[in-house]
């Protein structure tokens, strides 16, 4: 009974503090310094006794969740440990920082979880977990770490989205508006390489070189990513089920994303352990509700399968055009390279979609 009561109090405390603490402490980012650390990393600042205790197991399981159903596994975050007395210099500007602290002066029968933004650098996310003793700290981490993960997770793609929005692509934007009645934030230097009435392909720039649709001449060490944007008539809500969306996807890819190898085209990977998964979600502004789908693609045809990669798609109904619109990010990268950064960029683009009035 005591544990259940403490669990409820901790959950209530966590929700309240996440809602309130943005305004509790002033920002220290007036210098305009940029964050350090890689996308998908969280620096955990705590004493070695805490790091080597049962608490670390809950930090690992709660913060290093996998983005399913990708293979190889893609973790939302990796943890980097730092002792408090070594938290100095550029480490203070780490993009995602979590303090886990025992403070005997802390009052109350429950621990607290506080959120601070842009403390030592612009766009930085800092979360403090504080308790009066080890037992209270363990309970607070155990029952509050899910909310901590979700806050870091949202802020990770949100800061990428804001960066893209600062330099809108007016050329591609006008074409998206004309063809699909939508717009979205794109990486600077994106390129529209396929322009059809109901189908666009957009390549992402710089380190994400153009995707080679064949098997010859592909740089095994390269990363290639971009977007497929397509639409078709909306008839009824049954079209928005996972199976129906997959069927429509395969049809659109068959006729619009051919391989350089005759008779082959982009398709969907239907293997049990990486079978596409989906869930209801919304854009960052909450104005578009839709269905999100993640999985693997493969070039197929002629009774054989070729190279492939990951996709992350968002489907919704445009009420103005009466069309189902799909924006599907694709990523082709070697399994030895982390997929976190390019997948986060795709996620940020999908969350930025807007219907143009």
Protein backbone atom coordinates (compact mmCIF):
# COMPACT_ATOMS: atom_id res chain seq x y z
CA UNK A 1 0.00 0.00 0.00
CA UNK A 2 2.87 2.36 0.88
CA UNK A 3 4.61 1.66 -2.45
CA UNK A 4 1.41 2.26 -4.41
CA UNK A 5 0.83 5.55 -2.61
CA UNK A 6 4.41 6.63 -3.25
CA UNK A 7 4.07 5.67 -6.93
CA UNK A 8 0.97 7.82 -7.31
CA UNK A 9 2.57 10.76 -5.51
CA UNK A 10 5.68 10.48 -7.65
CA UNK A 11 3.65 10.42 -10.86
CA UNK A 12 1.64 13.45 -9.78
CA UNK A 13 4.82 15.27 -8.74
CA UNK A 14 6.47 14.49 -12.08
CA UNK A 15 3.55 15.79 -14.11
CA UNK A 16 3.31 18.97 -12.05
CA UNK A 17 6.99 19.79 -12.18
CA UNK A 18 7.28 19.22 -15.94
CA UNK A 19 4.43 21.66 -16.40
CA UNK A 20 5.79 24.31 -14.04
CA UNK A 21 9.56 24.38 -13.97
CA UNK A 22 10.26 26.07 -17.32
CA UNK A 23 9.50 29.36 -15.61
CA UNK A 24 11.02 28.52 -12.23
CA UNK A 25 14.63 29.20 -13.25
CA UNK A 26 15.99 31.84 -15.61
CA UNK A 27 17.83 30.87 -18.77
CA UNK A 28 21.62 31.27 -18.80
CA UNK A 29 21.94 31.08 -22.58
CA UNK A 30 22.23 34.82 -23.22
CA UNK A 31 25.66 34.22 -24.76
CA UNK A 32 24.01 32.35 -27.65
CA UNK A 33 26.41 29.40 -27.32
CA UNK A 34 25.52 26.25 -29.26
CA UNK A 35 24.98 22.85 -27.70
CA UNK A 36 27.63 20.12 -27.74
CA UNK A 37 27.20 16.36 -27.93
CA UNK A 38 25.64 14.20 -30.62
CA UNK A 39 21.97 13.80 -31.45
CA UNK A 40 20.72 10.84 -29.43
CA UNK A 41 23.05 11.27 -26.45
CA UNK A 42 22.13 12.09 -22.85
CA UNK A 43 24.82 13.05 -20.35
CA UNK A 44 23.94 11.68 -16.90
CA UNK A 45 25.66 13.70 -14.17
CA UNK A 46 25.77 11.80 -10.89
CA UNK A 47 28.12 10.34 -8.31
CA UNK A 48 29.74 7.01 -9.12
CA UNK A 49 27.83 5.32 -6.27
CA UNK A 50 24.53 6.20 -7.97
CA UNK A 51 25.81 5.23 -11.42
CA UNK A 52 26.94 1.80 -10.19
CA UNK A 53 23.69 1.10 -8.31
CA UNK A 54 20.28 -0.32 -9.25
CA UNK A 55 19.32 3.17 -10.38
CA UNK A 56 21.45 2.80 -13.51
CA UNK A 57 19.37 -0.22 -14.59
CA UNK A 58 16.26 1.96 -14.62
CA UNK A 59 18.10 4.74 -16.44
CA UNK A 60 19.21 2.25 -19.10
CA UNK A 61 15.81 0.64 -19.58
CA UNK A 62 13.90 3.92 -19.42
CA UNK A 63 16.11 6.14 -21.59
CA UNK A 64 17.64 3.78 -24.16
CA UNK A 65 14.35 2.69 -25.71
CA UNK A 66 14.41 1.31 -29.25
CA UNK A 67 12.67 2.87 -32.25
CA UNK A 68 10.85 -0.15 -33.65
CA UNK A 69 10.89 -2.13 -35.90
CA UNK A 70 14.28 -1.23 -37.33
CA UNK A 71 17.14 -3.66 -37.81
CA UNK A 72 19.83 -3.13 -36.68
CA UNK A 73 18.35 -1.73 -33.47
CA UNK A 74 18.08 2.06 -33.27
CA UNK A 75 18.08 3.40 -29.70
CA UNK A 76 16.39 6.70 -28.99
CA UNK A 77 19.32 7.62 -26.73
CA UNK A 78 22.74 6.50 -25.55
CA UNK A 79 23.90 7.43 -22.05
CA UNK A 80 27.19 9.17 -21.25
CA UNK A 81 28.20 9.35 -17.58
CA UNK A 82 29.94 12.33 -16.00
CA UNK A 83 30.86 12.88 -12.36
CA UNK A 84 29.62 16.19 -10.88
CA UNK A 85 33.11 17.55 -10.18
CA UNK A 86 34.05 16.93 -13.83
CA UNK A 87 30.99 18.67 -15.23
CA UNK A 88 32.72 21.80 -16.47
CA UNK A 89 33.78 23.66 -19.60
CA UNK A 90 32.14 22.55 -22.84
CA UNK A 91 30.43 19.66 -21.04
CA UNK A 92 28.03 22.19 -19.53
CA UNK A 93 26.67 22.83 -23.03
CA UNK A 94 25.75 19.18 -23.67
CA UNK A 95 22.44 19.13 -25.60
CA UNK A 96 20.68 16.67 -23.24
CA UNK A 97 21.80 16.68 -19.60
CA UNK A 98 20.27 14.73 -16.70
CA UNK A 99 21.29 15.41 -13.10
CA UNK A 100 20.54 12.57 -10.66
CA UNK A 101 21.22 13.88 -7.16
CA UNK A 102 20.80 12.98 -3.48
CA UNK A 103 20.27 16.15 -1.45
CA UNK A 104 19.67 15.61 2.30
CA UNK A 105 18.18 19.12 2.44
CA UNK A 106 15.39 18.14 0.07
CA UNK A 107 12.04 18.33 1.87
CA UNK A 108 9.00 16.17 1.34
CA UNK A 109 8.08 12.50 1.15
CA UNK A 110 8.69 12.28 -2.60
CA UNK A 111 11.46 13.23 -4.99
CA UNK A 112 11.19 15.93 -7.60
CA UNK A 113 11.82 16.09 -11.33
CA UNK A 114 12.46 19.52 -12.85
CA UNK A 115 12.85 20.61 -16.45
CA UNK A 116 15.05 23.53 -17.52
CA UNK A 117 15.71 24.74 -21.06
CA UNK A 118 18.64 26.63 -22.62
CA UNK A 119 20.57 26.76 -19.35
CA UNK A 120 24.17 26.91 -20.59
CA UNK A 121 23.46 26.87 -24.35
CA UNK A 122 20.62 27.70 -26.71
CA UNK A 123 18.30 24.74 -27.27
CA UNK A 124 19.73 22.74 -24.38
CA UNK A 125 17.47 20.45 -22.32
CA UNK A 126 18.39 19.94 -18.66
CA UNK A 127 16.39 17.73 -16.29
CA UNK A 128 17.06 17.40 -12.54
CA UNK A 129 16.01 14.37 -10.49
CA UNK A 130 16.48 15.17 -6.79
CA UNK A 131 15.66 13.15 -3.65
CA UNK A 132 16.60 13.29 0.03
CA UNK A 133 18.08 9.76 0.19
CA UNK A 134 18.85 6.74 -1.97
CA UNK A 135 15.54 4.95 -1.40
CA UNK A 136 13.55 8.02 -2.43
CA UNK A 137 15.79 8.61 -5.42
CA UNK A 138 15.33 5.01 -6.60
CA UNK A 139 11.54 5.32 -6.42
CA UNK A 140 11.56 8.67 -8.21
CA UNK A 141 13.72 7.33 -11.05
CA UNK A 142 11.77 4.08 -11.31
CA UNK A 143 8.37 5.73 -11.67
CA UNK A 144 9.37 8.97 -13.37
CA UNK A 145 11.93 7.93 -15.96
CA UNK A 146 9.29 7.38 -18.65
CA UNK A 147 8.26 11.03 -18.51
CA UNK A 148 11.92 12.05 -18.55
CA UNK A 149 12.49 10.01 -21.70
CA UNK A 150 9.46 11.49 -23.44
CA UNK A 151 10.58 15.04 -22.69
CA UNK A 152 14.11 14.45 -24.01
CA UNK A 153 12.65 12.61 -27.02
CA UNK A 154 10.31 15.43 -28.01
CA UNK A 155 12.92 18.15 -27.55
CA UNK A 156 15.43 16.22 -29.67
CA UNK A 157 13.35 16.34 -32.87
CA UNK A 158 11.81 19.71 -31.98
CA UNK A 159 15.14 21.56 -31.99
CA UNK A 160 15.95 20.01 -35.40
CA UNK A 161 12.57 21.12 -36.73
CA UNK A 162 13.16 24.68 -35.50
CA UNK A 163 16.55 24.74 -37.22
CA UNK A 164 14.99 23.67 -40.53
CA UNK A 165 12.19 26.24 -40.18
CA UNK A 166 14.67 29.12 -39.93
CA UNK A 167 15.62 28.68 -43.61
CA UNK A 168 12.49 27.61 -45.53
CA UNK A 169 12.90 26.27 -49.08
CA UNK A 170 10.60 28.57 -51.04
CA UNK A 171 11.01 26.73 -54.36
CA UNK A 172 10.15 23.24 -53.12
CA UNK A 173 7.62 24.77 -50.73
CA UNK A 174 5.66 26.41 -53.56
CA UNK A 175 5.58 23.14 -55.51
CA UNK A 176 4.41 21.17 -52.47
CA UNK A 177 1.68 23.73 -51.93
CA UNK A 178 0.56 23.58 -55.56
CA UNK A 179 0.55 19.79 -55.86
CA UNK A 180 -0.42 18.63 -52.37
CA UNK A 181 -1.72 21.71 -50.51
CA UNK A 182 0.94 21.28 -47.82
CA UNK A 183 4.32 22.57 -46.72
CA UNK A 184 7.03 21.35 -44.35
CA UNK A 185 10.42 22.30 -42.95
CA UNK A 186 13.25 20.77 -45.02
CA UNK A 187 17.02 20.59 -44.55
CA UNK A 188 18.75 23.47 -46.31
CA UNK A 189 19.87 22.36 -49.77
CA UNK A 190 17.21 19.69 -50.34
CA UNK A 191 16.61 18.81 -53.98
CA UNK A 192 13.36 17.93 -55.78
CA UNK A 193 14.37 15.13 -58.17
CA UNK A 194 10.97 13.67 -59.15
CA UNK A 195 8.04 15.99 -59.83
CA UNK A 196 4.77 14.35 -60.81
CA UNK A 197 1.17 15.36 -60.12
CA UNK A 198 0.70 12.81 -57.35
CA UNK A 199 4.30 11.90 -56.51
CA UNK A 200 7.44 13.83 -55.45
CA UNK A 201 10.85 12.55 -54.43
CA UNK A 202 13.05 14.94 -52.45
CA UNK A 203 16.70 14.18 -51.70
CA UNK A 204 18.30 15.48 -48.53
CA UNK A 205 21.64 17.31 -48.90
CA UNK A 206 25.29 17.28 -47.92
CA UNK A 207 26.36 14.10 -46.13
CA UNK A 208 23.19 12.40 -47.34
CA UNK A 209 24.20 11.87 -50.95
CA UNK A 210 21.65 10.97 -53.66
CA UNK A 211 20.26 7.46 -53.37
CA UNK A 212 21.55 5.12 -56.09
CA UNK A 213 18.59 2.97 -57.07
CA UNK A 214 20.80 0.24 -58.43
CA UNK A 215 23.44 -1.98 -56.85
CA UNK A 216 26.42 -0.89 -58.93
CA UNK A 217 28.67 1.90 -57.76
CA UNK A 218 27.03 2.38 -54.34
CA UNK A 219 29.43 3.64 -51.68
CA UNK A 220 28.98 1.15 -48.85
CA UNK A 221 30.05 3.79 -46.34
CA UNK A 222 27.58 6.42 -47.49
CA UNK A 223 24.26 7.60 -46.06
CA UNK A 224 21.37 8.48 -48.35
CA UNK A 225 18.06 9.92 -47.21
CA UNK A 226 15.10 11.92 -48.42
CA UNK A 227 11.33 11.99 -48.79
CA UNK A 228 8.68 10.36 -50.94
CA UNK A 229 5.49 12.44 -51.06
CA UNK A 230 2.39 11.00 -52.70
CA UNK A 231 -1.41 11.28 -52.62
CA UNK A 232 -4.54 9.46 -53.75
CA UNK A 233 -8.30 9.89 -53.37
CA UNK A 234 -9.86 9.58 -49.91
CA UNK A 235 -13.02 7.45 -49.91
CA UNK A 236 -13.55 6.38 -46.29
CA UNK A 237 -11.67 5.92 -43.00
CA UNK A 238 -11.02 2.21 -43.62
CA UNK A 239 -8.23 3.31 -45.99
CA UNK A 240 -6.24 4.49 -42.97
CA UNK A 241 -5.68 1.00 -41.53
CA UNK A 242 -2.13 -0.36 -41.51
CA UNK A 243 -2.84 -3.06 -44.13
CA UNK A 244 -4.61 -0.69 -46.53
CA UNK A 245 -1.88 1.94 -46.22
CA UNK A 246 0.78 -0.69 -46.93
CA UNK A 247 -1.07 -1.88 -50.02
CA UNK A 248 -1.34 1.69 -51.33
CA UNK A 249 2.32 2.29 -50.51
CA UNK A 250 3.51 -0.72 -52.48
CA UNK A 251 1.43 0.33 -55.48
CA UNK A 252 2.80 3.88 -55.46
CA UNK A 253 6.40 2.67 -55.07
CA UNK A 254 6.08 0.08 -57.84
CA UNK A 255 5.19 2.72 -60.43
CA UNK A 256 7.21 5.66 -59.13
CA UNK A 257 10.47 4.35 -57.61
CA UNK A 258 12.06 1.97 -60.13
CA UNK A 259 15.51 0.52 -59.75
CA UNK A 260 18.23 0.99 -62.31
CA UNK A 261 18.01 -2.78 -62.63
CA UNK A 262 15.22 -3.48 -65.10
CA UNK A 263 12.14 -5.04 -63.55
CA UNK A 264 12.98 -4.04 -59.95
CA UNK A 265 11.45 -1.32 -57.79
CA UNK A 266 11.25 -0.13 -54.19
CA UNK A 267 8.94 -2.23 -52.00
CA UNK A 268 8.25 -3.02 -48.34
CA UNK A 269 10.06 -5.58 -46.19
CA UNK A 270 7.50 -8.10 -44.81
CA UNK A 271 9.56 -10.17 -42.40
CA UNK A 272 7.96 -10.97 -39.04
CA UNK A 273 10.61 -9.42 -36.80
CA UNK A 274 10.70 -6.16 -38.78
CA UNK A 275 7.08 -6.09 -39.97
CA UNK A 276 5.94 -2.45 -40.34
CA UNK A 277 4.40 -0.91 -37.23
CA UNK A 278 2.06 2.05 -36.92
CA UNK A 279 0.32 4.33 -34.46
CA UNK A 280 -1.88 7.41 -34.37
CA UNK A 281 0.02 10.67 -33.93
CA UNK A 282 -0.11 14.38 -34.74
CA UNK A 283 2.10 17.14 -36.07
CA UNK A 284 4.00 19.43 -33.70
CA UNK A 285 1.29 22.10 -33.75
CA UNK A 286 -1.43 19.51 -33.15
CA UNK A 287 -3.39 20.64 -36.21
CA UNK A 288 -3.01 17.45 -38.29
CA UNK A 289 -3.93 14.07 -36.85
CA UNK A 290 -2.71 11.11 -38.82
CA UNK A 291 -1.19 7.65 -38.86
CA UNK A 292 2.54 7.10 -38.45
CA UNK A 293 4.24 4.03 -39.91
CA UNK A 294 7.81 2.72 -39.56
CA UNK A 295 9.51 -0.22 -41.24
CA UNK A 296 12.13 -1.36 -43.74
CA UNK A 297 12.08 -1.11 -47.52
CA UNK A 298 13.80 -3.30 -50.07
CA UNK A 299 14.26 -3.16 -53.84
CA UNK A 300 12.39 -6.11 -55.26
CA UNK A 301 11.16 -7.64 -58.51
CA UNK A 302 12.06 -10.41 -60.94
CA UNK A 303 11.67 -12.83 -58.06
CA UNK A 304 14.61 -11.43 -56.12
CA UNK A 305 15.44 -8.76 -53.54
CA UNK A 306 18.23 -6.17 -53.57
CA UNK A 307 19.44 -3.42 -51.27
CA UNK A 308 17.18 -1.61 -48.82
CA UNK A 309 16.95 0.59 -45.76
CA UNK A 310 14.51 2.21 -43.32
CA UNK A 311 11.36 4.27 -43.85
CA UNK A 312 9.30 6.47 -41.51
CA UNK A 313 5.97 7.70 -42.92
CA UNK A 314 3.08 9.95 -41.88
CA UNK A 315 -0.37 9.64 -43.50
CA UNK A 316 -3.26 12.07 -43.16
CA UNK A 317 -6.33 13.32 -44.97
CA UNK A 318 -6.12 16.80 -46.48
CA UNK A 319 -9.67 18.13 -45.94
CA UNK A 320 -9.23 20.75 -48.66
CA UNK A 321 -8.19 18.40 -51.47
CA UNK A 322 -10.01 15.27 -50.19
CA UNK A 323 -6.81 13.30 -50.69
CA UNK A 324 -4.86 10.94 -48.48
CA UNK A 325 -1.35 12.39 -48.34
CA UNK A 326 1.70 10.34 -47.35
CA UNK A 327 5.09 11.86 -46.56
CA UNK A 328 7.54 8.99 -46.23
CA UNK A 329 11.17 9.50 -45.27
CA UNK A 330 13.71 6.94 -46.45
CA UNK A 331 17.20 6.14 -45.22
CA UNK A 332 19.87 3.95 -46.79
CA UNK A 333 22.88 3.56 -44.49
CA UNK A 334 25.37 0.82 -43.64
CA UNK A 335 24.46 -1.22 -40.53
CA UNK A 336 27.73 -0.22 -38.88
CA UNK A 337 26.67 3.45 -38.87
CA UNK A 338 24.25 4.96 -36.35
CA UNK A 339 20.85 5.70 -37.87
CA UNK A 340 19.76 8.02 -35.06
CA UNK A 341 20.70 11.38 -36.62
CA UNK A 342 19.10 10.89 -40.07
CA UNK A 343 15.99 9.26 -38.59
CA UNK A 344 15.61 12.19 -36.19
CA UNK A 345 15.79 14.57 -39.14
CA UNK A 346 13.06 12.63 -40.93
CA UNK A 347 10.95 12.66 -37.76
CA UNK A 348 11.41 16.44 -37.46
CA UNK A 349 10.26 16.98 -41.06
CA UNK A 350 7.15 14.82 -40.55
CA UNK A 351 6.23 16.73 -37.37
CA UNK A 352 6.53 20.06 -39.22
CA UNK A 353 3.91 19.36 -41.91
CA UNK A 354 1.26 22.04 -42.37
CA UNK A 355 -1.88 22.22 -44.52
CA UNK A 356 -1.83 25.44 -46.52
CA UNK A 357 -5.02 27.49 -46.38
